[in-house]
């Protein structure tokens, strides 16, 4: 954030990736609050990159904090679904074979919408 402040340009900011922040941050909502106006982009991903809401990432707290800071940037869903057509894709190694990329996107969007 200090680098963002030093550059002081409206197109320079912070991205929060909830998968990685889940590893590095003790409190994701607090990390988002700390980024404040510098936050430009959010990647929503569960701790195992599965269906949002199926793991332990605090999405209710994250969404609440995004609202509190007046976040109006992009929020994208990031995950690995299994697709039998893509046998060398990351989802073939890490994903639940019962969860498709479409499930990650559509069920994730429904879950996030339910947190309003």
PDB file of N, CA and C in Angstrom:
ATOM      1  N   UNK A   1       0.822  -1.180   0.000  1.00  0.00           N
ATOM      2  CA  UNK A   1       0.000   0.000   0.000  1.00  0.00           C
ATOM      3  C   UNK A   1       0.869   1.247   0.000  1.00  0.00           C
ATOM      4  N   UNK A   2       2.040   1.150   0.638  1.00  0.00           N
ATOM      5  CA  UNK A   2       2.953   2.294   0.637  1.00  0.00           C
ATOM      6  C   UNK A   2       3.414   2.596  -0.785  1.00  0.00           C
ATOM      7  N   UNK A   3       3.640   1.554  -1.580  1.00  0.00           N
ATOM      8  CA  UNK A   3       4.036   1.756  -2.975  1.00  0.00           C
ATOM      9  C   UNK A   3       2.912   2.455  -3.747  1.00  0.00           C
ATOM     10  N   UNK A   4       1.672   2.025  -3.535  1.00  0.00           N
ATOM     11  CA  UNK A   4       0.528   2.684  -4.188  1.00  0.00           C
ATOM     12  C   UNK A   4       0.482   4.161  -3.822  1.00  0.00           C
ATOM     13  N   UNK A   5       0.683   4.445  -2.543  1.00  0.00           N
ATOM     14  CA  UNK A   5       0.659   5.839  -2.095  1.00  0.00           C
ATOM     15  C   UNK A   5       1.806   6.633  -2.708  1.00  0.00           C
ATOM     16  N   UNK A   6       2.980   6.018  -2.812  1.00  0.00           N
ATOM     17  CA  UNK A   6       4.137   6.726  -3.371  1.00  0.00           C
ATOM     18  C   UNK A   6       3.946   7.017  -4.854  1.00  0.00           C
ATOM     19  N   UNK A   7       3.351   6.078  -5.587  1.00  0.00           N
ATOM     20  CA  UNK A   7       3.106   6.281  -7.019  1.00  0.00           C
ATOM     21  C   UNK A   7       1.962   7.264  -7.221  1.00  0.00           C
ATOM     22  N   UNK A   8       0.946   7.154  -6.376  1.00  0.00           N
ATOM     23  CA  UNK A   8      -0.192   8.073  -6.371  1.00  0.00           C
ATOM     24  C   UNK A   8      -0.808   8.273  -7.751  1.00  0.00           C
ATOM     25  N   UNK A   9      -1.179   7.154  -8.354  1.00  0.00           N
ATOM     26  CA  UNK A   9      -1.860   7.192  -9.653  1.00  0.00           C
ATOM     27  C   UNK A   9      -3.157   6.394  -9.519  1.00  0.00           C
ATOM     28  N   UNK A  10      -4.264   6.880 -10.063  1.00  0.00           N
ATOM     29  CA  UNK A  10      -5.555   6.206  -9.880  1.00  0.00           C
ATOM     30  C   UNK A  10      -5.621   4.793 -10.465  1.00  0.00           C
ATOM     31  N   UNK A  11      -4.717   4.436 -11.358  1.00  0.00           N
ATOM     32  CA  UNK A  11      -4.736   3.100 -11.951  1.00  0.00           C
ATOM     33  C   UNK A  11      -3.806   2.117 -11.246  1.00  0.00           C
ATOM     34  N   UNK A  12      -3.145   2.551 -10.201  1.00  0.00           N
ATOM     35  CA  UNK A  12      -2.254   1.685  -9.434  1.00  0.00           C
ATOM     36  C   UNK A  12      -2.931   1.367  -8.114  1.00  0.00           C
ATOM     37  N   UNK A  13      -3.052   0.082  -7.815  1.00  0.00           N
ATOM     38  CA  UNK A  13      -3.741  -0.299  -6.595  1.00  0.00           C
ATOM     39  C   UNK A  13      -3.410  -1.709  -6.165  1.00  0.00           C
ATOM     40  N   UNK A  14      -4.283  -2.243  -5.338  1.00  0.00           N
ATOM     41  CA  UNK A  14      -4.100  -3.536  -4.702  1.00  0.00           C
ATOM     42  C   UNK A  14      -5.141  -4.512  -5.233  1.00  0.00           C
ATOM     43  N   UNK A  15      -4.715  -5.759  -5.435  1.00  0.00           N
ATOM     44  CA  UNK A  15      -5.623  -6.865  -5.715  1.00  0.00           C
ATOM     45  C   UNK A  15      -5.615  -7.783  -4.509  1.00  0.00           C
ATOM     46  N   UNK A  16      -6.783  -8.181  -4.064  1.00  0.00           N
ATOM     47  CA  UNK A  16      -6.900  -9.200  -3.014  1.00  0.00           C
ATOM     48  C   UNK A  16      -7.361 -10.479  -3.687  1.00  0.00           C
ATOM     49  N   UNK A  17      -6.604 -11.525  -3.517  1.00  0.00           N
ATOM     50  CA  UNK A  17      -6.958 -12.868  -3.988  1.00  0.00           C
ATOM     51  C   UNK A  17      -7.256 -13.677  -2.724  1.00  0.00           C
ATOM     52  N   UNK A  18      -8.512 -14.038  -2.511  1.00  0.00           N
ATOM     53  CA  UNK A  18      -8.888 -14.656  -1.242  1.00  0.00           C
ATOM     54  C   UNK A  18      -8.224 -16.005  -1.017  1.00  0.00           C
ATOM     55  N   UNK A  19      -7.872 -16.729  -2.086  1.00  0.00           N
ATOM     56  CA  UNK A  19      -7.144 -17.992  -1.911  1.00  0.00           C
ATOM     57  C   UNK A  19      -5.792 -17.729  -1.262  1.00  0.00           C
ATOM     58  N   UNK A  20      -5.032 -16.802  -1.832  1.00  0.00           N
ATOM     59  CA  UNK A  20      -3.703 -16.511  -1.294  1.00  0.00           C
ATOM     60  C   UNK A  20      -3.776 -15.717   0.007  1.00  0.00           C
ATOM     61  N   UNK A  21      -4.709 -14.785   0.105  1.00  0.00           N
ATOM     62  CA  UNK A  21      -4.845 -14.014   1.338  1.00  0.00           C
ATOM     63  C   UNK A  21      -5.227 -14.925   2.501  1.00  0.00           C
ATOM     64  N   UNK A  22      -5.982 -15.987   2.217  1.00  0.00           N
ATOM     65  CA  UNK A  22      -6.346 -16.959   3.235  1.00  0.00           C
ATOM     66  C   UNK A  22      -5.096 -17.594   3.858  1.00  0.00           C
ATOM     67  N   UNK A  23      -4.032 -17.706   3.086  1.00  0.00           N
ATOM     68  CA  UNK A  23      -2.774 -18.280   3.572  1.00  0.00           C
ATOM     69  C   UNK A  23      -1.964 -17.241   4.342  1.00  0.00           C
ATOM     70  N   UNK A  24      -1.942 -16.016   3.838  1.00  0.00           N
ATOM     71  CA  UNK A  24      -1.048 -14.978   4.361  1.00  0.00           C
ATOM     72  C   UNK A  24      -1.660 -14.100   5.449  1.00  0.00           C
ATOM     73  N   UNK A  25      -2.945 -13.852   5.377  1.00  0.00           N
ATOM     74  CA  UNK A  25      -3.586 -12.892   6.284  1.00  0.00           C
ATOM     75  C   UNK A  25      -4.277 -13.603   7.443  1.00  0.00           C
ATOM     76  N   UNK A  26      -4.217 -13.028   8.603  1.00  0.00           N
ATOM     77  CA  UNK A  26      -4.922 -13.582   9.759  1.00  0.00           C
ATOM     78  C   UNK A  26      -6.403 -13.215   9.735  1.00  0.00           C
ATOM     79  N   UNK A  27      -6.741 -12.092   9.087  1.00  0.00           N
ATOM     80  CA  UNK A  27      -8.110 -11.578   9.074  1.00  0.00           C
ATOM     81  C   UNK A  27      -8.357 -10.933   7.713  1.00  0.00           C
ATOM     82  N   UNK A  28      -9.016 -11.662   6.807  1.00  0.00           N
ATOM     83  CA  UNK A  28      -9.244 -11.144   5.457  1.00  0.00           C
ATOM     84  C   UNK A  28     -10.072  -9.868   5.438  1.00  0.00           C
ATOM     85  N   UNK A  29     -11.189  -9.780   6.188  1.00  0.00           N
ATOM     86  CA  UNK A  29     -11.922  -8.510   6.188  1.00  0.00           C
ATOM     87  C   UNK A  29     -11.048  -7.333   6.638  1.00  0.00           C
ATOM     88  N   UNK A  30     -10.191  -7.545   7.622  1.00  0.00           N
ATOM     89  CA  UNK A  30      -9.312  -6.470   8.075  1.00  0.00           C
ATOM     90  C   UNK A  30      -8.308  -6.087   6.988  1.00  0.00           C
ATOM     91  N   UNK A  31      -7.782  -7.065   6.259  1.00  0.00           N
ATOM     92  CA  UNK A  31      -6.854  -6.768   5.162  1.00  0.00           C
ATOM     93  C   UNK A  31      -7.540  -5.930   4.101  1.00  0.00           C
ATOM     94  N   UNK A  32      -8.795  -6.257   3.802  1.00  0.00           N
ATOM     95  CA  UNK A  32      -9.564  -5.490   2.820  1.00  0.00           C
ATOM     96  C   UNK A  32      -9.813  -4.074   3.335  1.00  0.00           C
ATOM     97  N   UNK A  33     -10.179  -3.976   4.581  1.00  0.00           N
ATOM     98  CA  UNK A  33     -10.410  -2.660   5.180  1.00  0.00           C
ATOM     99  C   UNK A  33      -9.132  -1.821   5.140  1.00  0.00           C
ATOM    100  N   UNK A  34      -8.001  -2.439   5.409  1.00  0.00           N
ATOM    101  CA  UNK A  34      -6.720  -1.723   5.381  1.00  0.00           C
ATOM    102  C   UNK A  34      -6.385  -1.216   3.987  1.00  0.00           C
ATOM    103  N   UNK A  35      -6.733  -2.000   2.971  1.00  0.00           N
ATOM    104  CA  UNK A  35      -6.467  -1.570   1.592  1.00  0.00           C
ATOM    105  C   UNK A  35      -7.337  -0.370   1.230  1.00  0.00           C
ATOM    106  N   UNK A  36      -8.569  -0.364   1.724  1.00  0.00           N
ATOM    107  CA  UNK A  36      -9.465   0.775   1.518  1.00  0.00           C
ATOM    108  C   UNK A  36      -9.556   1.212   0.065  1.00  0.00           C
ATOM    109  N   UNK A  37      -9.358   2.497  -0.172  1.00  0.00           N
ATOM    110  CA  UNK A  37      -9.503   3.069  -1.513  1.00  0.00           C
ATOM    111  C   UNK A  37      -8.465   2.532  -2.501  1.00  0.00           C
ATOM    112  N   UNK A  38      -7.407   1.924  -1.998  1.00  0.00           N
ATOM    113  CA  UNK A  38      -6.362   1.374  -2.880  1.00  0.00           C
ATOM    114  C   UNK A  38      -6.798   0.059  -3.530  1.00  0.00           C
ATOM    115  N   UNK A  39      -7.851  -0.579  -2.992  1.00  0.00           N
ATOM    116  CA  UNK A  39      -8.318  -1.865  -3.508  1.00  0.00           C
ATOM    117  C   UNK A  39      -8.974  -1.668  -4.870  1.00  0.00           C
ATOM    118  N   UNK A  40      -8.445  -2.334  -5.874  1.00  0.00           N
ATOM    119  CA  UNK A  40      -8.939  -2.171  -7.250  1.00  0.00           C
ATOM    120  C   UNK A  40      -9.580  -3.427  -7.815  1.00  0.00           C
ATOM    121  N   UNK A  41      -9.228  -4.608  -7.256  1.00  0.00           N
ATOM    122  CA  UNK A  41      -9.700  -5.851  -7.855  1.00  0.00           C
ATOM    123  C   UNK A  41      -9.732  -6.947  -6.789  1.00  0.00           C
ATOM    124  N   UNK A  42     -10.755  -7.802  -6.831  1.00  0.00           N
ATOM    125  CA  UNK A  42     -10.884  -8.902  -5.880  1.00  0.00           C
ATOM    126  C   UNK A  42     -11.072 -10.201  -6.646  1.00  0.00           C
ATOM    127  N   UNK A  43     -10.247 -11.185  -6.313  1.00  0.00           N
ATOM    128  CA  UNK A  43     -10.419 -12.554  -6.815  1.00  0.00           C
ATOM    129  C   UNK A  43     -11.067 -13.348  -5.696  1.00  0.00           C
ATOM    130  N   UNK A  44     -12.269 -13.839  -5.903  1.00  0.00           N
ATOM    131  CA  UNK A  44     -12.973 -14.649  -4.904  1.00  0.00           C
ATOM    132  C   UNK A  44     -12.688 -16.117  -5.179  1.00  0.00           C
ATOM    133  N   UNK A  45     -11.998 -16.745  -4.252  1.00  0.00           N
ATOM    134  CA  UNK A  45     -11.654 -18.153  -4.397  1.00  0.00           C
ATOM    135  C   UNK A  45     -11.693 -18.806  -3.025  1.00  0.00           C
ATOM    136  N   UNK A  46     -12.232 -19.994  -2.967  1.00  0.00           N
ATOM    137  CA  UNK A  46     -12.300 -20.724  -1.699  1.00  0.00           C
ATOM    138  C   UNK A  46     -10.907 -21.216  -1.318  1.00  0.00           C
ATOM    139  N   UNK A  47     -10.721 -21.604  -0.074  1.00  0.00           N
ATOM    140  CA  UNK A  47      -9.401 -22.035   0.402  1.00  0.00           C
ATOM    141  C   UNK A  47      -8.866 -23.236  -0.375  1.00  0.00           C
ATOM    142  N   UNK A  48      -9.736 -24.023  -0.995  1.00  0.00           N
ATOM    143  CA  UNK A  48      -9.290 -25.161  -1.823  1.00  0.00           C
ATOM    144  C   UNK A  48      -9.627 -24.949  -3.297  1.00  0.00           C
ATOM    145  N   UNK A  49      -9.962 -23.725  -3.647  1.00  0.00           N
ATOM    146  CA  UNK A  49     -10.364 -23.309  -4.999  1.00  0.00           C
ATOM    147  C   UNK A  49     -11.618 -24.030  -5.502  1.00  0.00           C
ATOM    148  N   UNK A  50     -12.386 -24.554  -4.574  1.00  0.00           N
ATOM    149  CA  UNK A  50     -13.639 -25.217  -4.915  1.00  0.00           C
ATOM    150  C   UNK A  50     -14.794 -24.229  -4.910  1.00  0.00           C
ATOM    151  N   UNK A  51     -15.997 -24.761  -4.703  1.00  0.00           N
ATOM    152  CA  UNK A  51     -17.205 -23.934  -4.695  1.00  0.00           C
ATOM    153  C   UNK A  51     -17.150 -22.920  -3.560  1.00  0.00           C
ATOM    154  N   UNK A  52     -17.446 -21.668  -3.889  1.00  0.00           N
ATOM    155  CA  UNK A  52     -17.475 -20.632  -2.858  1.00  0.00           C
ATOM    156  C   UNK A  52     -18.503 -21.010  -1.803  1.00  0.00           C
ATOM    157  N   UNK A  53     -18.122 -20.825  -0.545  1.00  0.00           N
ATOM    158  CA  UNK A  53     -19.007 -21.157   0.563  1.00  0.00           C
ATOM    159  C   UNK A  53     -18.851 -22.573   1.063  1.00  0.00           C
ATOM    160  N   UNK A  54     -18.019 -23.378   0.401  1.00  0.00           N
ATOM    161  CA  UNK A  54     -17.847 -24.767   0.824  1.00  0.00           C
ATOM    162  C   UNK A  54     -16.625 -24.965   1.714  1.00  0.00           C
ATOM    163  N   UNK A  55     -15.843 -23.921   1.890  1.00  0.00           N
ATOM    164  CA  UNK A  55     -14.628 -24.026   2.693  1.00  0.00           C
ATOM    165  C   UNK A  55     -14.687 -23.101   3.885  1.00  0.00           C
ATOM    166  N   UNK A  56     -13.535 -22.534   4.248  1.00  0.00           N
ATOM    167  CA  UNK A  56     -13.520 -21.701   5.438  1.00  0.00           C
ATOM    168  C   UNK A  56     -13.156 -20.233   5.203  1.00  0.00           C
ATOM    169  N   UNK A  57     -13.130 -19.774   3.948  1.00  0.00           N
ATOM    170  CA  UNK A  57     -12.911 -18.347   3.703  1.00  0.00           C
ATOM    171  C   UNK A  57     -14.157 -17.587   4.163  1.00  0.00           C
ATOM    172  N   UNK A  58     -13.934 -16.487   4.869  1.00  0.00           N
ATOM    173  CA  UNK A  58     -15.025 -15.696   5.457  1.00  0.00           C
ATOM    174  C   UNK A  58     -15.662 -14.776   4.414  1.00  0.00           C
ATOM    175  N   UNK A  59     -16.397 -15.352   3.477  1.00  0.00           N
ATOM    176  CA  UNK A  59     -17.026 -14.531   2.453  1.00  0.00           C
ATOM    177  C   UNK A  59     -18.093 -13.584   3.000  1.00  0.00           C
ATOM    178  N   UNK A  60     -18.899 -13.967   3.992  1.00  0.00           N
ATOM    179  CA  UNK A  60     -19.823 -12.975   4.540  1.00  0.00           C
ATOM    180  C   UNK A  60     -19.086 -11.744   5.077  1.00  0.00           C
ATOM    181  N   UNK A  61     -17.995 -11.958   5.795  1.00  0.00           N
ATOM    182  CA  UNK A  61     -17.204 -10.833   6.306  1.00  0.00           C
ATOM    183  C   UNK A  61     -16.542 -10.037   5.210  1.00  0.00           C
ATOM    184  N   UNK A  62     -16.093 -10.714   4.175  1.00  0.00           N
ATOM    185  CA  UNK A  62     -15.451 -10.046   3.038  1.00  0.00           C
ATOM    186  C   UNK A  62     -16.455  -9.150   2.321  1.00  0.00           C
ATOM    187  N   UNK A  63     -17.622  -9.679   2.005  1.00  0.00           N
ATOM    188  CA  UNK A  63     -18.639  -8.898   1.296  1.00  0.00           C
ATOM    189  C   UNK A  63     -19.085  -7.712   2.155  1.00  0.00           C
ATOM    190  N   UNK A  64     -19.287  -7.942   3.448  1.00  0.00           N
ATOM    191  CA  UNK A  64     -19.664  -6.853   4.349  1.00  0.00           C
ATOM    192  C   UNK A  64     -18.609  -5.744   4.336  1.00  0.00           C
ATOM    193  N   UNK A  65     -17.333  -6.134   4.391  1.00  0.00           N
ATOM    194  CA  UNK A  65     -16.251  -5.146   4.407  1.00  0.00           C
ATOM    195  C   UNK A  65     -16.137  -4.420   3.077  1.00  0.00           C
ATOM    196  N   UNK A  66     -16.329  -5.123   1.959  1.00  0.00           N
ATOM    197  CA  UNK A  66     -16.313  -4.456   0.655  1.00  0.00           C
ATOM    198  C   UNK A  66     -17.386  -3.368   0.612  1.00  0.00           C
ATOM    199  N   UNK A  67     -18.542  -3.662   1.167  1.00  0.00           N
ATOM    200  CA  UNK A  67     -19.614  -2.653   1.215  1.00  0.00           C
ATOM    201  C   UNK A  67     -19.226  -1.485   2.121  1.00  0.00           C
ATOM    202  N   UNK A  68     -18.633  -1.817   3.265  1.00  0.00           N
ATOM    203  CA  UNK A  68     -18.254  -0.772   4.220  1.00  0.00           C
ATOM    204  C   UNK A  68     -17.243   0.214   3.641  1.00  0.00           C
ATOM    205  N   UNK A  69     -16.309  -0.288   2.824  1.00  0.00           N
ATOM    206  CA  UNK A  69     -15.297   0.609   2.258  1.00  0.00           C
ATOM    207  C   UNK A  69     -15.765   1.255   0.956  1.00  0.00           C
ATOM    208  N   UNK A  70     -16.978   0.927   0.526  1.00  0.00           N
ATOM    209  CA  UNK A  70     -17.512   1.508  -0.706  1.00  0.00           C
ATOM    210  C   UNK A  70     -16.846   0.971  -1.955  1.00  0.00           C
ATOM    211  N   UNK A  71     -16.399  -0.275  -1.907  1.00  0.00           N
ATOM    212  CA  UNK A  71     -15.714  -0.875  -3.054  1.00  0.00           C
ATOM    213  C   UNK A  71     -16.640  -0.932  -4.258  1.00  0.00           C
ATOM    214  N   UNK A  72     -16.146  -0.466  -5.406  1.00  0.00           N
ATOM    215  CA  UNK A  72     -16.956  -0.506  -6.631  1.00  0.00           C
ATOM    216  C   UNK A  72     -16.183  -1.123  -7.793  1.00  0.00           C
ATOM    217  N   UNK A  73     -15.090  -1.779  -7.478  1.00  0.00           N
ATOM    218  CA  UNK A  73     -14.282  -2.411  -8.523  1.00  0.00           C
ATOM    219  C   UNK A  73     -14.813  -3.781  -8.903  1.00  0.00           C
ATOM    220  N   UNK A  74     -13.993  -4.513  -9.601  1.00  0.00           N
ATOM    221  CA  UNK A  74     -14.371  -5.848 -10.079  1.00  0.00           C
ATOM    222  C   UNK A  74     -14.197  -6.902  -9.002  1.00  0.00           C
ATOM    223  N   UNK A  75     -15.057  -7.911  -9.055  1.00  0.00           N
ATOM    224  CA  UNK A  75     -14.947  -9.094  -8.225  1.00  0.00           C
ATOM    225  C   UNK A  75     -15.115 -10.270  -9.169  1.00  0.00           C
ATOM    226  N   UNK A  76     -14.085 -11.075  -9.289  1.00  0.00           N
ATOM    227  CA  UNK A  76     -14.177 -12.237 -10.172  1.00  0.00           C
ATOM    228  C   UNK A  76     -14.083 -13.509  -9.365  1.00  0.00           C
ATOM    229  N   UNK A  77     -14.735 -14.547  -9.835  1.00  0.00           N
ATOM    230  CA  UNK A  77     -14.680 -15.854  -9.185  1.00  0.00           C
ATOM    231  C   UNK A  77     -13.557 -16.637  -9.843  1.00  0.00           C
ATOM    232  N   UNK A  78     -12.697 -17.180  -9.007  1.00  0.00           N
ATOM    233  CA  UNK A  78     -11.549 -17.939  -9.488  1.00  0.00           C
ATOM    234  C   UNK A  78     -11.597 -19.319  -8.846  1.00  0.00           C
ATOM    235  N   UNK A  79     -11.520 -20.345  -9.635  1.00  0.00           N
ATOM    236  CA  UNK A  79     -11.512 -21.696  -9.084  1.00  0.00           C
ATOM    237  C   UNK A  79     -11.118 -22.705 -10.137  1.00  0.00           C
ATOM    238  N   UNK A  80     -10.994 -23.926  -9.702  1.00  0.00           N
ATOM    239  CA  UNK A  80     -10.649 -25.006 -10.619  1.00  0.00           C
ATOM    240  C   UNK A  80     -11.761 -26.039 -10.597  1.00  0.00           C
ATOM    241  N   UNK A  81     -12.521 -26.077 -11.657  1.00  0.00           N
ATOM    242  CA  UNK A  81     -13.505 -27.139 -11.809  1.00  0.00           C
ATOM    243  C   UNK A  81     -12.899 -28.226 -12.676  1.00  0.00           C
ATOM    244  N   UNK A  82     -13.488 -29.390 -12.638  1.00  0.00           N
ATOM    245  CA  UNK A  82     -12.998 -30.522 -13.420  1.00  0.00           C
ATOM    246  C   UNK A  82     -13.707 -30.563 -14.763  1.00  0.00           C
ATOM    247  N   UNK A  83     -12.939 -30.727 -15.818  1.00  0.00           N
ATOM    248  CA  UNK A  83     -13.499 -30.880 -17.159  1.00  0.00           C
ATOM    249  C   UNK A  83     -12.801 -32.049 -17.838  1.00  0.00           C
ATOM    250  N   UNK A  84     -13.522 -33.106 -18.193  1.00  0.00           N
ATOM    251  CA  UNK A  84     -12.886 -34.264 -18.814  1.00  0.00           C
ATOM    252  C   UNK A  84     -12.228 -33.943 -20.159  1.00  0.00           C
ATOM    253  N   UNK A  85     -12.635 -32.836 -20.785  1.00  0.00           N
ATOM    254  CA  UNK A  85     -12.028 -32.431 -22.052  1.00  0.00           C
ATOM    255  C   UNK A  85     -10.654 -31.795 -21.861  1.00  0.00           C
ATOM    256  N   UNK A  86     -10.323 -31.405 -20.652  1.00  0.00           N
ATOM    257  CA  UNK A  86      -9.053 -30.724 -20.384  1.00  0.00           C
ATOM    258  C   UNK A  86      -8.238 -31.543 -19.386  1.00  0.00           C
ATOM    259  N   UNK A  87      -7.714 -32.653 -19.839  1.00  0.00           N
ATOM    260  CA  UNK A  87      -7.038 -33.594 -18.940  1.00  0.00           C
ATOM    261  C   UNK A  87      -5.702 -33.089 -18.413  1.00  0.00           C
ATOM    262  N   UNK A  88      -5.158 -32.021 -18.990  1.00  0.00           N
ATOM    263  CA  UNK A  88      -3.903 -31.476 -18.479  1.00  0.00           C
ATOM    264  C   UNK A  88      -4.090 -30.141 -17.765  1.00  0.00           C
ATOM    265  N   UNK A  89      -5.330 -29.693 -17.634  1.00  0.00           N
ATOM    266  CA  UNK A  89      -5.610 -28.429 -16.951  1.00  0.00           C
ATOM    267  C   UNK A  89      -5.468 -28.602 -15.441  1.00  0.00           C
ATOM    268  N   UNK A  90      -5.241 -27.500 -14.709  1.00  0.00           N
ATOM    269  CA  UNK A  90      -5.097 -27.606 -13.253  1.00  0.00           C
ATOM    270  C   UNK A  90      -6.265 -28.316 -12.571  1.00  0.00           C
ATOM    271  N   UNK A  91      -7.467 -28.129 -13.085  1.00  0.00           N
ATOM    272  CA  UNK A  91      -8.618 -28.790 -12.490  1.00  0.00           C
ATOM    273  C   UNK A  91      -8.520 -30.301 -12.511  1.00  0.00           C
ATOM    274  N   UNK A  92      -7.823 -30.871 -13.495  1.00  0.00           N
ATOM    275  CA  UNK A  92      -7.652 -32.314 -13.559  1.00  0.00           C
ATOM    276  C   UNK A  92      -6.790 -32.821 -12.401  1.00  0.00           C
ATOM    277  N   UNK A  93      -5.939 -31.968 -11.893  1.00  0.00           N
ATOM    278  CA  UNK A  93      -5.066 -32.359 -10.782  1.00  0.00           C
ATOM    279  C   UNK A  93      -5.684 -32.059  -9.422  1.00  0.00           C
ATOM    280  N   UNK A  94      -6.344 -30.894  -9.286  1.00  0.00           N
ATOM    281  CA  UNK A  94      -6.736 -30.400  -7.965  1.00  0.00           C
ATOM    282  C   UNK A  94      -8.224 -30.387  -7.703  1.00  0.00           C
ATOM    283  N   UNK A  95      -9.030 -30.450  -8.730  1.00  0.00           N
ATOM    284  CA  UNK A  95     -10.462 -30.205  -8.534  1.00  0.00           C
ATOM    285  C   UNK A  95     -11.220 -31.464  -8.151  1.00  0.00           C
ATOM    286  N   UNK A  96     -12.361 -31.242  -7.535  1.00  0.00           N
ATOM    287  CA  UNK A  96     -13.334 -32.285  -7.270  1.00  0.00           C
ATOM    288  C   UNK A  96     -13.946 -32.660  -8.618  1.00  0.00           C
ATOM    289  N   UNK A  97     -13.882 -33.921  -8.986  1.00  0.00           N
ATOM    290  CA  UNK A  97     -14.360 -34.321 -10.321  1.00  0.00           C
ATOM    291  C   UNK A  97     -15.867 -34.158 -10.483  1.00  0.00           C
ATOM    292  N   UNK A  98     -16.568 -33.863  -9.408  1.00  0.00           N
ATOM    293  CA  UNK A  98     -18.010 -33.653  -9.479  1.00  0.00           C
ATOM    294  C   UNK A  98     -18.389 -32.183  -9.622  1.00  0.00           C
ATOM    295  N   UNK A  99     -17.383 -31.302  -9.692  1.00  0.00           N
ATOM    296  CA  UNK A  99     -17.621 -29.862  -9.802  1.00  0.00           C
ATOM    297  C   UNK A  99     -17.034 -29.366 -11.119  1.00  0.00           C
ATOM    298  N   UNK A 100     -17.879 -28.831 -11.975  1.00  0.00           N
ATOM    299  CA  UNK A 100     -17.434 -28.345 -13.286  1.00  0.00           C
ATOM    300  C   UNK A 100     -17.020 -26.875 -13.202  1.00  0.00           C
ATOM    301  N   UNK A 101     -16.306 -26.387 -14.207  1.00  0.00           N
ATOM    302  CA  UNK A 101     -16.019 -24.943 -14.244  1.00  0.00           C
ATOM    303  C   UNK A 101     -17.298 -24.103 -14.216  1.00  0.00           C
ATOM    304  N   UNK A 102     -18.357 -24.579 -14.874  1.00  0.00           N
ATOM    305  CA  UNK A 102     -19.635 -23.853 -14.846  1.00  0.00           C
ATOM    306  C   UNK A 102     -20.205 -23.821 -13.429  1.00  0.00           C
ATOM    307  N   UNK A 103     -20.069 -24.922 -12.676  1.00  0.00           N
ATOM    308  CA  UNK A 103     -20.522 -24.934 -11.284  1.00  0.00           C
ATOM    309  C   UNK A 103     -19.795 -23.868 -10.467  1.00  0.00           C
ATOM    310  N   UNK A 104     -18.470 -23.795 -10.660  1.00  0.00           N
ATOM    311  CA  UNK A 104     -17.668 -22.809  -9.932  1.00  0.00           C
ATOM    312  C   UNK A 104     -18.224 -21.402 -10.201  1.00  0.00           C
ATOM    313  N   UNK A 105     -18.489 -21.112 -11.471  1.00  0.00           N
ATOM    314  CA  UNK A 105     -18.959 -19.774 -11.848  1.00  0.00           C
ATOM    315  C   UNK A 105     -20.386 -19.512 -11.391  1.00  0.00           C
ATOM    316  N   UNK A 106     -21.321 -20.362 -11.785  1.00  0.00           N
ATOM    317  CA  UNK A 106     -22.736 -20.080 -11.542  1.00  0.00           C
ATOM    318  C   UNK A 106     -23.137 -20.271 -10.084  1.00  0.00           C
ATOM    319  N   UNK A 107     -22.693 -21.359  -9.465  1.00  0.00           N
ATOM    320  CA  UNK A 107     -23.018 -21.556  -8.057  1.00  0.00           C
ATOM    321  C   UNK A 107     -22.291 -20.528  -7.187  1.00  0.00           C
ATOM    322  N   UNK A 108     -21.075 -20.167  -7.600  1.00  0.00           N
ATOM    323  CA  UNK A 108     -20.337 -19.130  -6.873  1.00  0.00           C
ATOM    324  C   UNK A 108     -21.051 -17.795  -6.936  1.00  0.00           C
ATOM    325  N   UNK A 109     -21.550 -17.433  -8.115  1.00  0.00           N
ATOM    326  CA  UNK A 109     -22.284 -16.170  -8.263  1.00  0.00           C
ATOM    327  C   UNK A 109     -23.560 -16.186  -7.425  1.00  0.00           C
ATOM    328  N   UNK A 110     -24.257 -17.316  -7.406  1.00  0.00           N
ATOM    329  CA  UNK A 110     -25.471 -17.422  -6.583  1.00  0.00           C
ATOM    330  C   UNK A 110     -25.134 -17.274  -5.105  1.00  0.00           C
ATOM    331  N   UNK A 111     -24.046 -17.916  -4.687  1.00  0.00           N
ATOM    332  CA  UNK A 111     -23.638 -17.820  -3.284  1.00  0.00           C
ATOM    333  C   UNK A 111     -23.313 -16.377  -2.914  1.00  0.00           C
ATOM    334  N   UNK A 112     -22.498 -15.715  -3.729  1.00  0.00           N
ATOM    335  CA  UNK A 112     -22.153 -14.329  -3.425  1.00  0.00           C
ATOM    336  C   UNK A 112     -23.383 -13.432  -3.400  1.00  0.00           C
ATOM    337  N   UNK A 113     -24.306 -13.642  -4.339  1.00  0.00           N
ATOM    338  CA  UNK A 113     -25.537 -12.851  -4.366  1.00  0.00           C
ATOM    339  C   UNK A 113     -26.376 -13.079  -3.105  1.00  0.00           C
ATOM    340  N   UNK A 114     -26.300 -14.278  -2.536  1.00  0.00           N
ATOM    341  CA  UNK A 114     -27.083 -14.574  -1.337  1.00  0.00           C
ATOM    342  C   UNK A 114     -26.556 -13.853  -0.099  1.00  0.00           C
ATOM    343  N   UNK A 115     -25.351 -13.293  -0.186  1.00  0.00           N
ATOM    344  CA  UNK A 115     -24.725 -12.622   0.959  1.00  0.00           C
ATOM    345  C   UNK A 115     -25.120 -11.165   1.082  1.00  0.00           C
ATOM    346  N   UNK A 116     -26.038 -10.715   0.275  1.00  0.00           N
ATOM    347  CA  UNK A 116     -26.447  -9.299   0.286  1.00  0.00           C
ATOM    348  C   UNK A 116     -27.049  -8.916   1.566  1.00  0.00           C
TER     349      UNK A 116
END
